[in-house]
Amino acid sequence: MSRPLRCLLIHPGASWSTADVEAGLRFGLKAHGVEVIPYRLDERIDKSGSELFYRWRQQRKGRPDLPKPDGRMVNYQASEGAIAMALRHQVDVVVVVSAMFFHPDVIVMLKRAGFPVTV
């Protein structure tokens, strides 16, 4: 007996209408027997932002010229865990629901790792 299709489903990172699209897609995929591994980009953006800004505040005491973290840094750190998750769960496909906050470098790395990626 073969295993069901495994899909890493990347949350859009926003809590408005695109999040509703992700929820509906997740429901539909599960209803059709797909094993869905959720990647909560919204929660990871919050955590990455807090962590990067905390470290910046601590380090700038000794280095006042240290640049403040920006959205690209936060989004990269929030996105990069998708590679490890895709590898850990041996997914068959990665679906990114709205890549507005998902870092494009991570999409490239997922493809290099051999995963079909769709946005």
N, C-alpha and C. Protein backbone atom coordinates (compact mmCIF):
# COMPACT_ATOMS: atom_id res chain seq x y z
N MET A 1 0.84 -1.18 0.00
CA MET A 1 0.00 0.00 0.00
C MET A 1 0.89 1.24 0.00
N SER A 2 0.61 2.16 -0.88
CA SER A 2 1.44 3.36 -0.98
C SER A 2 0.97 4.42 0.02
N ARG A 3 1.89 5.27 0.38
CA ARG A 3 1.55 6.34 1.33
C ARG A 3 0.85 7.47 0.59
N PRO A 4 0.09 8.27 1.33
CA PRO A 4 -0.60 9.41 0.67
C PRO A 4 0.41 10.47 0.25
N LEU A 5 -0.01 11.31 -0.68
CA LEU A 5 0.80 12.44 -1.10
C LEU A 5 1.04 13.34 0.10
N ARG A 6 2.29 13.80 0.26
CA ARG A 6 2.63 14.70 1.35
C ARG A 6 2.90 16.09 0.79
N CYS A 7 2.25 17.07 1.39
CA CYS A 7 2.36 18.45 0.92
C CYS A 7 2.78 19.35 2.08
N LEU A 8 3.85 20.10 1.86
CA LEU A 8 4.22 21.15 2.81
C LEU A 8 3.45 22.40 2.38
N LEU A 9 2.52 22.84 3.21
CA LEU A 9 1.66 23.96 2.89
C LEU A 9 2.14 25.18 3.65
N ILE A 10 2.65 26.17 2.91
CA ILE A 10 3.23 27.36 3.52
C ILE A 10 2.13 28.41 3.72
N HIS A 11 1.90 28.77 4.96
CA HIS A 11 0.94 29.82 5.30
C HIS A 11 1.41 31.14 4.68
N PRO A 12 0.48 32.02 4.28
CA PRO A 12 0.89 33.25 3.60
C PRO A 12 1.62 34.26 4.48
N GLY A 13 1.57 34.12 5.78
CA GLY A 13 2.25 35.06 6.65
C GLY A 13 1.37 36.23 7.04
N ALA A 14 0.25 36.40 6.39
CA ALA A 14 -0.69 37.47 6.70
C ALA A 14 -1.95 36.87 7.32
N SER A 15 -2.66 37.67 8.08
CA SER A 15 -3.85 37.14 8.76
C SER A 15 -5.15 37.59 8.11
N TRP A 16 -5.07 38.13 6.91
CA TRP A 16 -6.30 38.55 6.23
C TRP A 16 -6.71 37.53 5.19
N SER A 17 -7.28 37.94 4.09
CA SER A 17 -7.96 37.03 3.15
C SER A 17 -7.08 35.89 2.65
N THR A 18 -5.78 36.12 2.48
CA THR A 18 -4.93 35.01 2.01
C THR A 18 -4.85 33.89 3.04
N ALA A 19 -5.01 34.22 4.30
CA ALA A 19 -5.05 33.18 5.34
C ALA A 19 -6.31 32.32 5.18
N ASP A 20 -7.41 32.93 4.75
CA ASP A 20 -8.63 32.17 4.48
C ASP A 20 -8.43 31.22 3.30
N VAL A 21 -7.69 31.67 2.31
CA VAL A 21 -7.38 30.82 1.15
C VAL A 21 -6.57 29.61 1.61
N GLU A 22 -5.57 29.84 2.47
CA GLU A 22 -4.75 28.74 2.99
C GLU A 22 -5.61 27.75 3.77
N ALA A 23 -6.50 28.27 4.60
CA ALA A 23 -7.36 27.39 5.41
C ALA A 23 -8.25 26.53 4.51
N GLY A 24 -8.82 27.13 3.48
CA GLY A 24 -9.67 26.38 2.55
C GLY A 24 -8.89 25.35 1.76
N LEU A 25 -7.70 25.73 1.34
CA LEU A 25 -6.84 24.80 0.59
C LEU A 25 -6.43 23.63 1.47
N ARG A 26 -6.06 23.92 2.72
CA ARG A 26 -5.68 22.86 3.66
C ARG A 26 -6.84 21.89 3.86
N PHE A 27 -8.05 22.42 4.06
CA PHE A 27 -9.23 21.59 4.24
C PHE A 27 -9.47 20.71 3.01
N GLY A 28 -9.40 21.32 1.83
CA GLY A 28 -9.65 20.57 0.60
C GLY A 28 -8.62 19.48 0.34
N LEU A 29 -7.36 19.80 0.59
CA LEU A 29 -6.30 18.80 0.39
C LEU A 29 -6.50 17.61 1.33
N LYS A 30 -6.77 17.91 2.60
CA LYS A 30 -7.00 16.83 3.57
C LYS A 30 -8.22 16.00 3.20
N ALA A 31 -9.27 16.66 2.71
CA ALA A 31 -10.49 15.95 2.32
C ALA A 31 -10.24 14.99 1.16
N HIS A 32 -9.20 15.27 0.37
CA HIS A 32 -8.86 14.40 -0.76
C HIS A 32 -7.71 13.44 -0.43
N GLY A 33 -7.42 13.29 0.85
CA GLY A 33 -6.46 12.28 1.27
C GLY A 33 -5.00 12.70 1.26
N VAL A 34 -4.74 13.98 1.08
CA VAL A 34 -3.36 14.47 1.08
C VAL A 34 -2.92 14.69 2.52
N GLU A 35 -1.72 14.23 2.85
CA GLU A 35 -1.15 14.50 4.16
C GLU A 35 -0.54 15.90 4.11
N VAL A 36 -1.11 16.81 4.88
CA VAL A 36 -0.68 18.21 4.86
C VAL A 36 0.20 18.50 6.07
N ILE A 37 1.39 19.01 5.79
CA ILE A 37 2.29 19.45 6.83
C ILE A 37 2.26 20.98 6.80
N PRO A 38 1.69 21.61 7.82
CA PRO A 38 1.56 23.07 7.78
C PRO A 38 2.86 23.76 8.19
N TYR A 39 3.17 24.85 7.52
CA TYR A 39 4.30 25.70 7.88
C TYR A 39 3.73 27.08 8.17
N ARG A 40 3.61 27.41 9.46
CA ARG A 40 2.95 28.64 9.89
C ARG A 40 3.91 29.83 9.78
N LEU A 41 3.94 30.42 8.61
CA LEU A 41 4.83 31.55 8.37
C LEU A 41 4.48 32.75 9.24
N ASP A 42 3.21 32.96 9.52
CA ASP A 42 2.80 34.10 10.34
C ASP A 42 3.42 34.04 11.74
N GLU A 43 3.36 32.87 12.36
CA GLU A 43 3.94 32.70 13.69
C GLU A 43 5.46 32.83 13.65
N ARG A 44 6.07 32.32 12.59
CA ARG A 44 7.51 32.38 12.45
C ARG A 44 8.00 33.81 12.20
N ILE A 45 7.21 34.60 11.48
CA ILE A 45 7.57 36.01 11.26
C ILE A 45 7.56 36.75 12.60
N ASP A 46 6.54 36.53 13.39
CA ASP A 46 6.47 37.18 14.70
C ASP A 46 7.67 36.80 15.56
N LYS A 47 7.97 35.51 15.61
CA LYS A 47 9.08 35.03 16.44
C LYS A 47 10.42 35.55 15.91
N SER A 48 10.62 35.50 14.60
CA SER A 48 11.88 35.97 14.02
C SER A 48 12.07 37.46 14.25
N GLY A 49 11.01 38.24 14.07
CA GLY A 49 11.09 39.67 14.30
C GLY A 49 11.46 39.98 15.74
N SER A 50 10.81 39.33 16.68
CA SER A 50 11.12 39.55 18.10
C SER A 50 12.56 39.17 18.41
N GLU A 51 12.99 38.03 17.89
CA GLU A 51 14.35 37.56 18.16
C GLU A 51 15.41 38.47 17.55
N LEU A 52 15.22 38.84 16.29
CA LEU A 52 16.22 39.69 15.63
C LEU A 52 16.30 41.07 16.27
N PHE A 53 15.17 41.65 16.62
CA PHE A 53 15.19 42.97 17.25
C PHE A 53 15.75 42.90 18.67
N TYR A 54 15.48 41.83 19.39
CA TYR A 54 16.06 41.66 20.72
C TYR A 54 17.60 41.59 20.62
N ARG A 55 18.09 40.75 19.72
CA ARG A 55 19.55 40.62 19.55
C ARG A 55 20.18 41.94 19.11
N TRP A 56 19.48 42.66 18.22
CA TRP A 56 19.99 43.95 17.76
C TRP A 56 20.11 44.94 18.92
N ARG A 57 19.07 45.00 19.76
CA ARG A 57 19.11 45.92 20.91
C ARG A 57 20.24 45.57 21.87
N GLN A 58 20.48 44.27 22.06
CA GLN A 58 21.56 43.84 22.94
C GLN A 58 22.93 44.17 22.36
N GLN A 59 23.11 43.91 21.07
CA GLN A 59 24.42 44.08 20.44
C GLN A 59 24.77 45.52 20.14
N ARG A 60 23.79 46.37 19.94
CA ARG A 60 24.10 47.76 19.59
C ARG A 60 24.66 48.53 20.78
N LYS A 61 24.54 47.99 21.98
CA LYS A 61 25.14 48.63 23.15
C LYS A 61 26.65 48.74 22.97
N GLY A 62 27.24 47.72 22.40
CA GLY A 62 28.68 47.72 22.15
C GLY A 62 29.03 48.15 20.73
N ARG A 63 28.04 48.15 19.86
CA ARG A 63 28.25 48.51 18.45
C ARG A 63 27.12 49.44 18.00
N PRO A 64 27.21 50.72 18.33
CA PRO A 64 26.11 51.64 18.01
C PRO A 64 25.84 51.81 16.52
N ASP A 65 26.79 51.44 15.68
CA ASP A 65 26.60 51.57 14.22
C ASP A 65 25.95 50.34 13.60
N LEU A 66 25.61 49.35 14.41
CA LEU A 66 25.01 48.10 13.90
C LEU A 66 23.67 48.42 13.24
N PRO A 67 23.48 48.00 11.97
CA PRO A 67 22.21 48.32 11.30
C PRO A 67 21.03 47.57 11.92
N LYS A 68 19.91 48.25 11.93
CA LYS A 68 18.67 47.68 12.47
C LYS A 68 18.15 46.61 11.51
N PRO A 69 17.64 45.49 12.05
CA PRO A 69 17.08 44.46 11.17
C PRO A 69 15.91 45.03 10.36
N ASP A 70 15.78 44.54 9.13
CA ASP A 70 14.67 45.00 8.29
C ASP A 70 13.77 43.81 7.94
N GLY A 71 12.71 44.09 7.20
CA GLY A 71 11.74 43.07 6.84
C GLY A 71 12.32 41.91 6.06
N ARG A 72 13.30 42.20 5.21
CA ARG A 72 13.92 41.11 4.43
C ARG A 72 14.63 40.12 5.34
N MET A 73 15.32 40.64 6.37
CA MET A 73 16.02 39.76 7.31
C MET A 73 15.03 38.91 8.10
N VAL A 74 13.97 39.55 8.55
CA VAL A 74 12.94 38.84 9.31
C VAL A 74 12.29 37.76 8.45
N ASN A 75 11.91 38.11 7.23
CA ASN A 75 11.25 37.15 6.34
C ASN A 75 12.17 36.00 5.96
N TYR A 76 13.46 36.29 5.76
CA TYR A 76 14.39 35.20 5.44
C TYR A 76 14.47 34.21 6.59
N GLN A 77 14.69 34.74 7.80
CA GLN A 77 14.81 33.85 8.96
C GLN A 77 13.51 33.07 9.19
N ALA A 78 12.38 33.71 8.95
CA ALA A 78 11.09 33.03 9.13
C ALA A 78 10.85 31.95 8.08
N SER A 79 11.42 32.15 6.90
CA SER A 79 11.17 31.24 5.77
C SER A 79 12.11 30.05 5.71
N GLU A 80 13.35 30.23 6.16
CA GLU A 80 14.38 29.21 5.92
C GLU A 80 14.10 27.86 6.56
N GLY A 81 13.29 27.83 7.61
CA GLY A 81 12.95 26.55 8.24
C GLY A 81 12.13 25.63 7.36
N ALA A 82 11.55 26.17 6.30
CA ALA A 82 10.75 25.34 5.38
C ALA A 82 11.61 24.28 4.70
N ILE A 83 12.87 24.60 4.46
CA ILE A 83 13.77 23.63 3.81
C ILE A 83 13.94 22.41 4.71
N ALA A 84 14.26 22.66 5.97
CA ALA A 84 14.44 21.55 6.92
C ALA A 84 13.15 20.76 7.09
N MET A 85 12.02 21.46 7.15
CA MET A 85 10.75 20.77 7.33
C MET A 85 10.42 19.90 6.12
N ALA A 86 10.67 20.42 4.92
CA ALA A 86 10.41 19.63 3.70
C ALA A 86 11.29 18.38 3.67
N LEU A 87 12.53 18.53 4.05
CA LEU A 87 13.44 17.38 4.08
C LEU A 87 13.06 16.40 5.18
N ARG A 88 12.74 16.90 6.35
CA ARG A 88 12.40 16.04 7.49
C ARG A 88 11.17 15.18 7.19
N HIS A 89 10.18 15.79 6.56
CA HIS A 89 8.92 15.07 6.30
C HIS A 89 8.89 14.41 4.92
N GLN A 90 9.95 14.56 4.15
CA GLN A 90 10.05 13.96 2.81
C GLN A 90 8.78 14.25 2.00
N VAL A 91 8.47 15.53 1.86
CA VAL A 91 7.25 15.91 1.16
C VAL A 91 7.39 15.69 -0.34
N ASP A 92 6.26 15.56 -0.99
CA ASP A 92 6.22 15.37 -2.44
C ASP A 92 6.10 16.70 -3.18
N VAL A 93 5.54 17.70 -2.51
CA VAL A 93 5.34 19.00 -3.13
C VAL A 93 5.30 20.07 -2.04
N VAL A 94 5.72 21.28 -2.40
CA VAL A 94 5.63 22.44 -1.51
C VAL A 94 4.68 23.44 -2.17
N VAL A 95 3.65 23.83 -1.43
CA VAL A 95 2.69 24.81 -1.93
C VAL A 95 2.80 26.07 -1.06
N VAL A 96 3.15 27.18 -1.70
CA VAL A 96 3.28 28.47 -1.01
C VAL A 96 2.02 29.27 -1.33
N VAL A 97 1.23 29.55 -0.31
CA VAL A 97 0.01 30.34 -0.51
C VAL A 97 0.41 31.81 -0.35
N SER A 98 0.55 32.50 -1.45
CA SER A 98 0.98 33.89 -1.50
C SER A 98 2.40 34.03 -0.96
N ALA A 99 3.32 34.30 -1.84
CA ALA A 99 4.73 34.41 -1.46
C ALA A 99 5.14 35.83 -1.11
N MET A 100 4.20 36.67 -0.76
CA MET A 100 4.50 38.05 -0.45
C MET A 100 5.49 38.18 0.71
N PHE A 101 5.41 37.31 1.72
CA PHE A 101 6.28 37.37 2.87
C PHE A 101 7.25 36.19 2.94
N PHE A 102 7.17 35.27 1.98
CA PHE A 102 8.06 34.11 1.94
C PHE A 102 9.27 34.50 1.10
N HIS A 103 10.46 34.34 1.66
CA HIS A 103 11.66 34.83 0.98
C HIS A 103 11.94 34.05 -0.30
N PRO A 104 12.19 34.75 -1.42
CA PRO A 104 12.40 34.06 -2.70
C PRO A 104 13.63 33.16 -2.74
N ASP A 105 14.65 33.48 -1.96
CA ASP A 105 15.84 32.62 -1.92
C ASP A 105 15.49 31.22 -1.41
N VAL A 106 14.55 31.14 -0.50
CA VAL A 106 14.15 29.85 0.05
C VAL A 106 13.43 29.02 -1.01
N ILE A 107 12.64 29.66 -1.85
CA ILE A 107 12.00 28.94 -2.96
C ILE A 107 13.06 28.34 -3.87
N VAL A 108 14.09 29.11 -4.19
CA VAL A 108 15.19 28.63 -5.03
C VAL A 108 15.88 27.43 -4.37
N MET A 109 16.14 27.53 -3.06
CA MET A 109 16.81 26.42 -2.36
C MET A 109 15.94 25.17 -2.29
N LEU A 110 14.63 25.36 -2.11
CA LEU A 110 13.73 24.19 -2.11
C LEU A 110 13.77 23.49 -3.46
N LYS A 111 13.80 24.27 -4.54
CA LYS A 111 13.88 23.68 -5.88
C LYS A 111 15.21 22.98 -6.06
N ARG A 112 16.28 23.58 -5.59
CA ARG A 112 17.61 22.94 -5.69
C ARG A 112 17.65 21.63 -4.91
N ALA A 113 16.88 21.55 -3.84
CA ALA A 113 16.82 20.32 -3.04
C ALA A 113 15.94 19.26 -3.72
N GLY A 114 15.32 19.63 -4.84
CA GLY A 114 14.55 18.65 -5.61
C GLY A 114 13.06 18.65 -5.36
N PHE A 115 12.55 19.64 -4.63
CA PHE A 115 11.12 19.68 -4.35
C PHE A 115 10.38 20.48 -5.43
N PRO A 116 9.28 19.94 -5.93
CA PRO A 116 8.43 20.78 -6.79
C PRO A 116 7.80 21.85 -5.90
N VAL A 117 7.88 23.10 -6.33
CA VAL A 117 7.34 24.21 -5.56
C VAL A 117 6.34 24.96 -6.43
N THR A 118 5.19 25.24 -5.85
CA THR A 118 4.19 26.04 -6.56
C THR A 118 3.74 27.17 -5.64
N VAL A 119 3.45 28.30 -6.24
CA VAL A 119 3.00 29.46 -5.49
C VAL A 119 1.60 29.80 -5.95
